[in-house]
Amino acid sequence: MAVEARIRELGTRHENVDRALQEEMRRPAADDVRVRELKRQKLKLKEEIEGLRAKAH
């Protein structure tokens, strides 16, 4: 059960990072460094979620 809770937590964080990324990209002068960092964070969260799901099954 703890793994499922962790997956949900990471999913929420992934959604929040995705939202921040979309907002940054809509800005007329988007900060490329921030966009790159948000993409990195999003990918890291996705990989962690997938790893936990693989272990759970």
PDB file of N, CA and C in Angstrom:
ATOM      1  N   MET A   1       0.821  -1.196   0.000  1.00  0.00           N
ATOM      2  CA  MET A   1       0.000   0.000   0.000  1.00  0.00           C
ATOM      3  C   MET A   1       0.866   1.261   0.000  1.00  0.00           C
ATOM      4  N   ALA A   2       1.996   1.236   0.655  1.00  0.00           N
ATOM      5  CA  ALA A   2       2.876   2.402   0.706  1.00  0.00           C
ATOM      6  C   ALA A   2       3.398   2.763  -0.685  1.00  0.00           C
ATOM      7  N   VAL A   3       3.616   1.750  -1.516  1.00  0.00           N
ATOM      8  CA  VAL A   3       4.106   2.004  -2.877  1.00  0.00           C
ATOM      9  C   VAL A   3       3.048   2.754  -3.679  1.00  0.00           C
ATOM     10  N   GLU A   4       1.795   2.347  -3.521  1.00  0.00           N
ATOM     11  CA  GLU A   4       0.707   3.028  -4.243  1.00  0.00           C
ATOM     12  C   GLU A   4       0.587   4.490  -3.808  1.00  0.00           C
ATOM     13  N   ALA A   5       0.750   4.743  -2.528  1.00  0.00           N
ATOM     14  CA  ALA A   5       0.686   6.115  -2.018  1.00  0.00           C
ATOM     15  C   ALA A   5       1.840   6.938  -2.587  1.00  0.00           C
ATOM     16  N   ARG A   6       3.004   6.342  -2.661  1.00  0.00           N
ATOM     17  CA  ARG A   6       4.174   7.040  -3.222  1.00  0.00           C
ATOM     18  C   ARG A   6       3.949   7.348  -4.704  1.00  0.00           C
ATOM     19  N   ILE A   7       3.370   6.402  -5.433  1.00  0.00           N
ATOM     20  CA  ILE A   7       3.081   6.613  -6.857  1.00  0.00           C
ATOM     21  C   ILE A   7       2.099   7.769  -7.019  1.00  0.00           C
ATOM     22  N   ARG A   8       1.067   7.806  -6.168  1.00  0.00           N
ATOM     23  CA  ARG A   8       0.100   8.916  -6.237  1.00  0.00           C
ATOM     24  C   ARG A   8       0.775  10.252  -5.935  1.00  0.00           C
ATOM     25  N   GLU A   9       1.628  10.272  -4.915  1.00  0.00           N
ATOM     26  CA  GLU A   9       2.347  11.500  -4.556  1.00  0.00           C
ATOM     27  C   GLU A   9       3.216  11.973  -5.717  1.00  0.00           C
ATOM     28  N   LEU A  10       3.959  11.040  -6.312  1.00  0.00           N
ATOM     29  CA  LEU A  10       4.822  11.407  -7.437  1.00  0.00           C
ATOM     30  C   LEU A  10       3.986  11.856  -8.633  1.00  0.00           C
ATOM     31  N   GLY A  11       2.829  11.234  -8.822  1.00  0.00           N
ATOM     32  CA  GLY A  11       1.936  11.634  -9.916  1.00  0.00           C
ATOM     33  C   GLY A  11       1.452  13.059  -9.743  1.00  0.00           C
ATOM     34  N   THR A  12       1.136  13.416  -8.524  1.00  0.00           N
ATOM     35  CA  THR A  12       0.707  14.793  -8.229  1.00  0.00           C
ATOM     36  C   THR A  12       1.842  15.771  -8.495  1.00  0.00           C
ATOM     37  N   ARG A  13       3.032  15.422  -8.039  1.00  0.00           N
ATOM     38  CA  ARG A  13       4.195  16.291  -8.281  1.00  0.00           C
ATOM     39  C   ARG A  13       4.455  16.419  -9.786  1.00  0.00           C
ATOM     40  N   HIS A  14       4.321  15.308 -10.526  1.00  0.00           N
ATOM     41  CA  HIS A  14       4.520  15.313 -11.978  1.00  0.00           C
ATOM     42  C   HIS A  14       3.530  16.272 -12.636  1.00  0.00           C
ATOM     43  N   GLU A  15       2.260  16.218 -12.213  1.00  0.00           N
ATOM     44  CA  GLU A  15       1.242  17.120 -12.759  1.00  0.00           C
ATOM     45  C   GLU A  15       1.574  18.578 -12.452  1.00  0.00           C
ATOM     46  N   ASN A  16       2.035  18.841 -11.238  1.00  0.00           N
ATOM     47  CA  ASN A  16       2.384  20.213 -10.859  1.00  0.00           C
ATOM     48  C   ASN A  16       3.555  20.741 -11.686  1.00  0.00           C
ATOM     49  N   VAL A  17       4.559  19.904 -11.897  1.00  0.00           N
ATOM     50  CA  VAL A  17       5.708  20.312 -12.712  1.00  0.00           C
ATOM     51  C   VAL A  17       5.258  20.530 -14.157  1.00  0.00           C
ATOM     52  N   ASP A  18       4.388  19.670 -14.656  1.00  0.00           N
ATOM     53  CA  ASP A  18       3.881  19.821 -16.021  1.00  0.00           C
ATOM     54  C   ASP A  18       3.118  21.133 -16.163  1.00  0.00           C
ATOM     55  N   ARG A  19       2.306  21.462 -15.168  1.00  0.00           N
ATOM     56  CA  ARG A  19       1.554  22.715 -15.192  1.00  0.00           C
ATOM     57  C   ARG A  19       2.507  23.915 -15.211  1.00  0.00           C
ATOM     58  N   ALA A  20       3.539  23.874 -14.367  1.00  0.00           N
ATOM     59  CA  ALA A  20       4.521  24.957 -14.320  1.00  0.00           C
ATOM     60  C   ALA A  20       5.254  25.071 -15.656  1.00  0.00           C
ATOM     61  N   LEU A  21       5.565  23.928 -16.261  1.00  0.00           N
ATOM     62  CA  LEU A  21       6.242  23.915 -17.556  1.00  0.00           C
ATOM     63  C   LEU A  21       5.362  24.556 -18.622  1.00  0.00           C
ATOM     64  N   GLN A  22       4.096  24.182 -18.657  1.00  0.00           N
ATOM     65  CA  GLN A  22       3.176  24.753 -19.644  1.00  0.00           C
ATOM     66  C   GLN A  22       3.044  26.262 -19.462  1.00  0.00           C
ATOM     67  N   GLU A  23       2.953  26.704 -18.204  1.00  0.00           N
ATOM     68  CA  GLU A  23       2.856  28.141 -17.930  1.00  0.00           C
ATOM     69  C   GLU A  23       4.106  28.871 -18.414  1.00  0.00           C
ATOM     70  N   GLU A  24       5.265  28.298 -18.131  1.00  0.00           N
ATOM     71  CA  GLU A  24       6.522  28.932 -18.531  1.00  0.00           C
ATOM     72  C   GLU A  24       6.619  29.016 -20.054  1.00  0.00           C
ATOM     73  N   MET A  25       6.202  27.975 -20.735  1.00  0.00           N
ATOM     74  CA  MET A  25       6.300  27.942 -22.195  1.00  0.00           C
ATOM     75  C   MET A  25       5.314  28.907 -22.860  1.00  0.00           C
ATOM     76  N   ARG A  26       4.234  29.268 -22.157  1.00  0.00           N
ATOM     77  CA  ARG A  26       3.258  30.223 -22.708  1.00  0.00           C
ATOM     78  C   ARG A  26       3.747  31.665 -22.589  1.00  0.00           C
ATOM     79  N   ARG A  27       4.729  31.891 -21.727  1.00  0.00           N
ATOM     80  CA  ARG A  27       5.245  33.250 -21.551  1.00  0.00           C
ATOM     81  C   ARG A  27       5.928  33.707 -22.832  1.00  0.00           C
ATOM     82  N   PRO A  28       5.785  34.987 -23.179  1.00  0.00           N
ATOM     83  CA  PRO A  28       6.429  35.498 -24.401  1.00  0.00           C
ATOM     84  C   PRO A  28       7.957  35.327 -24.398  1.00  0.00           C
ATOM     85  N   ALA A  29       8.573  35.504 -23.242  1.00  0.00           N
ATOM     86  CA  ALA A  29      10.029  35.360 -23.152  1.00  0.00           C
ATOM     87  C   ALA A  29      10.333  34.249 -22.146  1.00  0.00           C
ATOM     88  N   ALA A  30       9.989  33.031 -22.531  1.00  0.00           N
ATOM     89  CA  ALA A  30      10.186  31.892 -21.629  1.00  0.00           C
ATOM     90  C   ALA A  30      11.668  31.748 -21.276  1.00  0.00           C
ATOM     91  N   ASP A  31      11.916  31.415 -20.038  1.00  0.00           N
ATOM     92  CA  ASP A  31      13.279  31.206 -19.545  1.00  0.00           C
ATOM     93  C   ASP A  31      13.713  29.799 -19.952  1.00  0.00           C
ATOM     94  N   ASP A  32      14.634  29.711 -20.899  1.00  0.00           N
ATOM     95  CA  ASP A  32      15.078  28.417 -21.422  1.00  0.00           C
ATOM     96  C   ASP A  32      15.683  27.532 -20.343  1.00  0.00           C
ATOM     97  N   VAL A  33      16.392  28.131 -19.404  1.00  0.00           N
ATOM     98  CA  VAL A  33      17.009  27.359 -18.321  1.00  0.00           C
ATOM     99  C   VAL A  33      15.909  26.751 -17.448  1.00  0.00           C
ATOM    100  N   ARG A  34      14.902  27.538 -17.122  1.00  0.00           N
ATOM    101  CA  ARG A  34      13.787  27.037 -16.304  1.00  0.00           C
ATOM    102  C   ARG A  34      13.025  25.949 -17.053  1.00  0.00           C
ATOM    103  N   VAL A  35      12.777  26.144 -18.330  1.00  0.00           N
ATOM    104  CA  VAL A  35      12.075  25.132 -19.131  1.00  0.00           C
ATOM    105  C   VAL A  35      12.862  23.823 -19.113  1.00  0.00           C
ATOM    106  N   ARG A  36      14.161  23.913 -19.315  1.00  0.00           N
ATOM    107  CA  ARG A  36      15.007  22.715 -19.324  1.00  0.00           C
ATOM    108  C   ARG A  36      14.983  22.014 -17.965  1.00  0.00           C
ATOM    109  N   GLU A  37      15.047  22.789 -16.878  1.00  0.00           N
ATOM    110  CA  GLU A  37      15.022  22.225 -15.528  1.00  0.00           C
ATOM    111  C   GLU A  37      13.677  21.554 -15.242  1.00  0.00           C
ATOM    112  N   LEU A  38      12.586  22.197 -15.630  1.00  0.00           N
ATOM    113  CA  LEU A  38      11.266  21.603 -15.415  1.00  0.00           C
ATOM    114  C   LEU A  38      11.102  20.309 -16.205  1.00  0.00           C
ATOM    115  N   LYS A  39      11.605  20.290 -17.428  1.00  0.00           N
ATOM    116  CA  LYS A  39      11.549  19.066 -18.240  1.00  0.00           C
ATOM    117  C   LYS A  39      12.359  17.954 -17.593  1.00  0.00           C
ATOM    118  N   ARG A  40      13.501  18.301 -17.034  1.00  0.00           N
ATOM    119  CA  ARG A  40      14.344  17.320 -16.356  1.00  0.00           C
ATOM    120  C   ARG A  40      13.624  16.751 -15.133  1.00  0.00           C
ATOM    121  N   GLN A  41      13.008  17.634 -14.361  1.00  0.00           N
ATOM    122  CA  GLN A  41      12.270  17.197 -13.173  1.00  0.00           C
ATOM    123  C   GLN A  41      11.105  16.286 -13.560  1.00  0.00           C
ATOM    124  N   LYS A  42      10.403  16.678 -14.609  1.00  0.00           N
ATOM    125  CA  LYS A  42       9.252  15.897 -15.068  1.00  0.00           C
ATOM    126  C   LYS A  42       9.689  14.497 -15.502  1.00  0.00           C
ATOM    127  N   LEU A  43      10.770  14.420 -16.244  1.00  0.00           N
ATOM    128  CA  LEU A  43      11.278  13.126 -16.703  1.00  0.00           C
ATOM    129  C   LEU A  43      11.724  12.267 -15.521  1.00  0.00           C
ATOM    130  N   LYS A  44      12.408  12.875 -14.563  1.00  0.00           N
ATOM    131  CA  LYS A  44      12.872  12.129 -13.392  1.00  0.00           C
ATOM    132  C   LYS A  44      11.689  11.549 -12.622  1.00  0.00           C
ATOM    133  N   LEU A  45      10.644  12.348 -12.438  1.00  0.00           N
ATOM    134  CA  LEU A  45       9.452  11.866 -11.742  1.00  0.00           C
ATOM    135  C   LEU A  45       8.792  10.730 -12.519  1.00  0.00           C
ATOM    136  N   LYS A  46       8.695  10.879 -13.830  1.00  0.00           N
ATOM    137  CA  LYS A  46       8.086   9.841 -14.668  1.00  0.00           C
ATOM    138  C   LYS A  46       8.860   8.529 -14.547  1.00  0.00           C
ATOM    139  N   GLU A  47      10.184   8.615 -14.591  1.00  0.00           N
ATOM    140  CA  GLU A  47      11.012   7.415 -14.477  1.00  0.00           C
ATOM    141  C   GLU A  47      10.845   6.755 -13.112  1.00  0.00           C
ATOM    142  N   GLU A  48      10.740   7.572 -12.063  1.00  0.00           N
ATOM    143  CA  GLU A  48      10.564   7.010 -10.725  1.00  0.00           C
ATOM    144  C   GLU A  48       9.205   6.316 -10.602  1.00  0.00           C
ATOM    145  N   ILE A  49       8.171   6.938 -11.158  1.00  0.00           N
ATOM    146  CA  ILE A  49       6.832   6.341 -11.143  1.00  0.00           C
ATOM    147  C   ILE A  49       6.842   5.009 -11.890  1.00  0.00           C
ATOM    148  N   GLU A  50       7.428   4.992 -13.077  1.00  0.00           N
ATOM    149  CA  GLU A  50       7.476   3.763 -13.872  1.00  0.00           C
ATOM    150  C   GLU A  50       8.262   2.669 -13.160  1.00  0.00           C
ATOM    151  N   GLY A  51       9.341   3.042 -12.493  1.00  0.00           N
ATOM    152  CA  GLY A  51      10.139   2.067 -11.748  1.00  0.00           C
ATOM    153  C   GLY A  51       9.353   1.452 -10.607  1.00  0.00           C
ATOM    154  N   LEU A  52       8.596   2.282  -9.889  1.00  0.00           N
ATOM    155  CA  LEU A  52       7.786   1.773  -8.778  1.00  0.00           C
ATOM    156  C   LEU A  52       6.668   0.876  -9.297  1.00  0.00           C
ATOM    157  N   ARG A  53       6.062   1.268 -10.407  1.00  0.00           N
ATOM    158  CA  ARG A  53       4.997   0.439 -10.980  1.00  0.00           C
ATOM    159  C   ARG A  53       5.542  -0.912 -11.418  1.00  0.00           C
ATOM    160  N   ALA A  54       6.720  -0.941 -11.985  1.00  0.00           N
ATOM    161  CA  ALA A  54       7.323  -2.199 -12.434  1.00  0.00           C
ATOM    162  C   ALA A  54       7.603  -3.111 -11.241  1.00  0.00           C
ATOM    163  N   LYS A  55       8.052  -2.538 -10.137  1.00  0.00           N
ATOM    164  CA  LYS A  55       8.341  -3.341  -8.938  1.00  0.00           C
ATOM    165  C   LYS A  55       7.055  -3.851  -8.293  1.00  0.00           C
ATOM    166  N   ALA A  56       5.974  -3.082  -8.408  1.00  0.00           N
ATOM    167  CA  ALA A  56       4.705  -3.449  -7.775  1.00  0.00           C
ATOM    168  C   ALA A  56       4.025  -4.606  -8.498  1.00  0.00           C
ATOM    169  N   HIS A  57       4.390  -4.804  -9.759  1.00  0.00           N
ATOM    170  CA  HIS A  57       3.727  -5.873 -10.533  1.00  0.00           C
ATOM    171  C   HIS A  57       4.607  -7.025 -10.727  1.00  0.00           C
TER     172      HIS A  57
END
